[in-house]
N, C-alpha and C. Protein backbone atom coordinates (compact mmCIF):
# COMPACT_ATOMS: atom_id res chain seq x y z
N LEU A 1 122.48 107.79 77.31
CA LEU A 1 121.28 107.34 78.00
C LEU A 1 121.22 105.82 77.99
N PRO A 2 120.76 105.23 79.07
CA PRO A 2 120.62 103.77 79.09
C PRO A 2 119.47 103.31 78.19
N ALA A 3 119.60 102.13 77.67
CA ALA A 3 118.55 101.55 76.82
C ALA A 3 117.35 101.16 77.68
N ARG A 4 116.19 101.14 77.08
CA ARG A 4 114.97 100.74 77.80
C ARG A 4 115.10 99.34 78.38
N ALA A 5 115.73 98.46 77.63
CA ALA A 5 115.90 97.08 78.11
C ALA A 5 116.74 97.06 79.39
N ASP A 6 117.77 97.90 79.45
CA ASP A 6 118.60 97.98 80.66
C ASP A 6 117.79 98.51 81.84
N ILE A 7 117.01 99.56 81.61
CA ILE A 7 116.19 100.13 82.67
C ILE A 7 115.18 99.10 83.17
N SER A 8 114.57 98.37 82.25
CA SER A 8 113.61 97.33 82.63
C SER A 8 114.28 96.25 83.47
N GLU A 9 115.47 95.86 83.08
CA GLU A 9 116.20 94.83 83.82
C GLU A 9 116.55 95.32 85.22
N TRP A 10 117.02 96.55 85.34
CA TRP A 10 117.35 97.11 86.65
C TRP A 10 116.12 97.15 87.55
N THR A 11 115.01 97.59 86.98
CA THR A 11 113.76 97.67 87.75
C THR A 11 113.34 96.28 88.22
N SER A 12 113.39 95.32 87.32
CA SER A 12 113.01 93.96 87.65
C SER A 12 113.88 93.40 88.77
N GLN A 13 115.18 93.63 88.68
CA GLN A 13 116.09 93.15 89.71
C GLN A 13 115.79 93.79 91.07
N CYS A 14 115.49 95.07 91.07
CA CYS A 14 115.18 95.76 92.33
C CYS A 14 113.88 95.26 92.93
N TRP A 15 112.88 95.04 92.08
CA TRP A 15 111.56 94.65 92.57
C TRP A 15 111.53 93.21 93.05
N THR A 16 112.49 92.39 92.66
CA THR A 16 112.51 90.99 93.06
C THR A 16 112.49 90.85 94.58
N GLY A 17 113.15 91.75 95.28
CA GLY A 17 113.23 91.66 96.73
C GLY A 17 112.07 92.32 97.46
N LEU A 18 111.12 92.89 96.72
CA LEU A 18 109.99 93.58 97.35
C LEU A 18 108.73 92.73 97.27
N SER A 19 107.87 92.91 98.26
CA SER A 19 106.58 92.21 98.21
C SER A 19 105.68 92.88 97.18
N LYS A 20 104.71 92.14 96.69
CA LYS A 20 103.74 92.68 95.75
C LYS A 20 103.03 93.89 96.36
N GLN A 21 102.67 93.78 97.63
CA GLN A 21 101.95 94.86 98.31
C GLN A 21 102.80 96.13 98.38
N THR A 22 104.10 96.00 98.58
CA THR A 22 104.98 97.16 98.62
C THR A 22 105.00 97.88 97.28
N ILE A 23 105.08 97.12 96.20
CA ILE A 23 105.09 97.70 94.86
C ILE A 23 103.76 98.39 94.57
N VAL A 24 102.66 97.71 94.84
CA VAL A 24 101.33 98.29 94.60
C VAL A 24 101.16 99.56 95.43
N SER A 25 101.57 99.52 96.69
CA SER A 25 101.44 100.69 97.56
C SER A 25 102.25 101.87 97.03
N GLY A 26 103.42 101.60 96.50
CA GLY A 26 104.25 102.66 95.94
C GLY A 26 103.59 103.33 94.75
N PHE A 27 103.03 102.53 93.85
CA PHE A 27 102.32 103.10 92.70
C PHE A 27 101.09 103.88 93.15
N ALA A 28 100.37 103.34 94.13
CA ALA A 28 99.17 104.01 94.63
C ALA A 28 99.53 105.35 95.27
N LYS A 29 100.59 105.37 96.06
CA LYS A 29 101.01 106.61 96.72
C LYS A 29 101.44 107.66 95.70
N ALA A 30 102.04 107.22 94.60
CA ALA A 30 102.45 108.15 93.55
C ALA A 30 101.27 108.63 92.70
N GLY A 31 100.11 108.01 92.91
CA GLY A 31 98.91 108.43 92.17
C GLY A 31 98.85 107.91 90.75
N ILE A 32 99.61 106.87 90.46
CA ILE A 32 99.60 106.33 89.10
C ILE A 32 98.98 104.94 89.02
N LEU A 33 98.29 104.57 90.08
CA LEU A 33 97.62 103.28 90.09
C LEU A 33 96.17 103.50 90.50
N GLY A 34 95.28 103.45 89.54
CA GLY A 34 93.88 103.68 89.85
C GLY A 34 93.09 102.40 89.99
N ASP A 35 93.62 101.29 89.49
CA ASP A 35 92.90 100.03 89.49
C ASP A 35 93.69 99.02 90.30
N THR A 36 93.16 98.61 91.44
CA THR A 36 93.88 97.68 92.31
C THR A 36 93.22 96.30 92.35
N ARG A 37 92.43 95.99 91.31
CA ARG A 37 91.82 94.65 91.26
C ARG A 37 92.90 93.59 91.18
N GLN A 38 92.62 92.43 91.76
CA GLN A 38 93.54 91.31 91.71
C GLN A 38 93.46 90.64 90.35
N ALA A 39 94.59 90.31 89.80
CA ALA A 39 94.63 89.59 88.53
C ALA A 39 94.46 88.10 88.80
N GLY A 40 93.67 87.45 87.97
CA GLY A 40 93.49 86.01 88.09
C GLY A 40 94.55 85.29 87.28
N ASP A 41 94.49 83.99 87.31
CA ASP A 41 95.40 83.20 86.49
C ASP A 41 95.09 83.45 85.02
N THR A 42 96.13 83.64 84.25
CA THR A 42 95.98 83.91 82.83
C THR A 42 96.84 82.92 82.06
N SER A 43 96.27 82.34 81.03
CA SER A 43 97.03 81.38 80.23
C SER A 43 98.03 82.11 79.35
N GLY A 44 99.01 81.38 78.87
CA GLY A 44 100.03 81.95 78.00
C GLY A 44 99.46 82.55 76.74
N SER A 45 98.43 81.91 76.16
CA SER A 45 97.84 82.45 74.93
C SER A 45 97.13 83.77 75.19
N GLU A 46 96.51 83.89 76.37
CA GLU A 46 95.84 85.15 76.72
C GLU A 46 96.87 86.26 76.89
N ILE A 47 97.98 85.94 77.51
CA ILE A 47 99.04 86.94 77.70
C ILE A 47 99.57 87.41 76.36
N LYS A 48 99.82 86.49 75.44
CA LYS A 48 100.32 86.85 74.11
C LYS A 48 99.32 87.76 73.40
N ARG A 49 98.02 87.47 73.54
CA ARG A 49 96.99 88.29 72.90
C ARG A 49 97.01 89.70 73.49
N PHE A 50 97.12 89.80 74.82
CA PHE A 50 97.18 91.11 75.47
C PHE A 50 98.43 91.87 75.04
N GLU A 51 99.55 91.18 74.97
CA GLU A 51 100.79 91.83 74.54
C GLU A 51 100.66 92.37 73.13
N SER A 52 100.07 91.60 72.23
CA SER A 52 99.93 92.07 70.85
C SER A 52 98.96 93.24 70.76
N ASP A 53 97.96 93.28 71.65
CA ASP A 53 97.03 94.42 71.67
C ASP A 53 97.75 95.69 72.12
N ILE A 54 98.68 95.55 73.05
CA ILE A 54 99.40 96.70 73.58
C ILE A 54 100.38 97.24 72.55
N VAL A 55 101.09 96.35 71.90
CA VAL A 55 102.11 96.76 70.93
C VAL A 55 101.42 96.96 69.63
């Protein structure tokens, strides 16, 4: 089985060529995106805090 890091890298590489709207539409069509609010600018410290909350 491929490692999670490899799968993440493959996904990232594929998504690079897609518009944000295409990605959002794909998740919405699959029924796994319930919140389509726009994200605002977030500082690096806020991102680190969110990451630590998730992990």
